[in-house]
Amino acid sequence: MSGGRYLVSFNAETRKQTGRAAGDEVEIEIDPDR
């Protein structure tokens, strides 16, 4: 947790496949029951 936010990292290959860059903000939903 950093500044009241949770940080989730994605490796370079995942960023490349999704068209994202390091530092991009994304909104995700995590289902702890899965």
Protein backbone atom coordinates (compact mmCIF):
# COMPACT_ATOMS: atom_id res chain seq x y z
CA MET A 1 0.00 0.00 0.00
CA SER A 2 1.34 3.43 -0.90
CA GLY A 3 -0.39 6.71 -0.22
CA GLY A 4 -3.66 4.93 0.57
CA ARG A 5 -3.52 2.93 -2.66
CA TYR A 6 -2.52 -0.64 -3.34
CA LEU A 7 0.12 -1.05 -6.03
CA VAL A 8 0.03 -4.07 -8.33
CA SER A 9 2.94 -4.53 -10.71
CA PHE A 10 2.81 -5.96 -14.22
CA ASN A 11 5.90 -7.26 -15.99
CA ALA A 12 7.15 -5.82 -19.29
CA GLU A 13 5.69 -8.67 -21.37
CA THR A 14 2.21 -8.16 -19.89
CA ARG A 15 2.43 -4.39 -20.49
CA LYS A 16 3.50 -5.01 -24.09
CA GLN A 17 0.60 -7.42 -24.70
CA THR A 18 -1.94 -4.98 -23.24
CA GLY A 19 -0.56 -1.78 -24.77
CA ARG A 20 0.24 -0.28 -21.37
CA ALA A 21 3.39 1.53 -20.32
CA ALA A 22 5.21 1.67 -16.99
CA GLY A 23 3.51 4.25 -14.79
CA ASP A 24 0.10 4.01 -16.52
CA GLU A 25 -2.81 4.07 -14.11
CA VAL A 26 -5.37 1.31 -14.52
CA GLU A 27 -8.44 0.38 -12.55
CA ILE A 28 -8.81 -3.27 -11.62
CA GLU A 29 -11.19 -5.37 -9.59
CA ILE A 30 -9.78 -8.15 -7.43
CA ASP A 31 -12.06 -10.99 -6.35
CA PRO A 32 -10.50 -12.61 -3.27
CA ASP A 33 -12.89 -15.58 -3.50
CA ARG A 34 -11.40 -16.86 -6.76
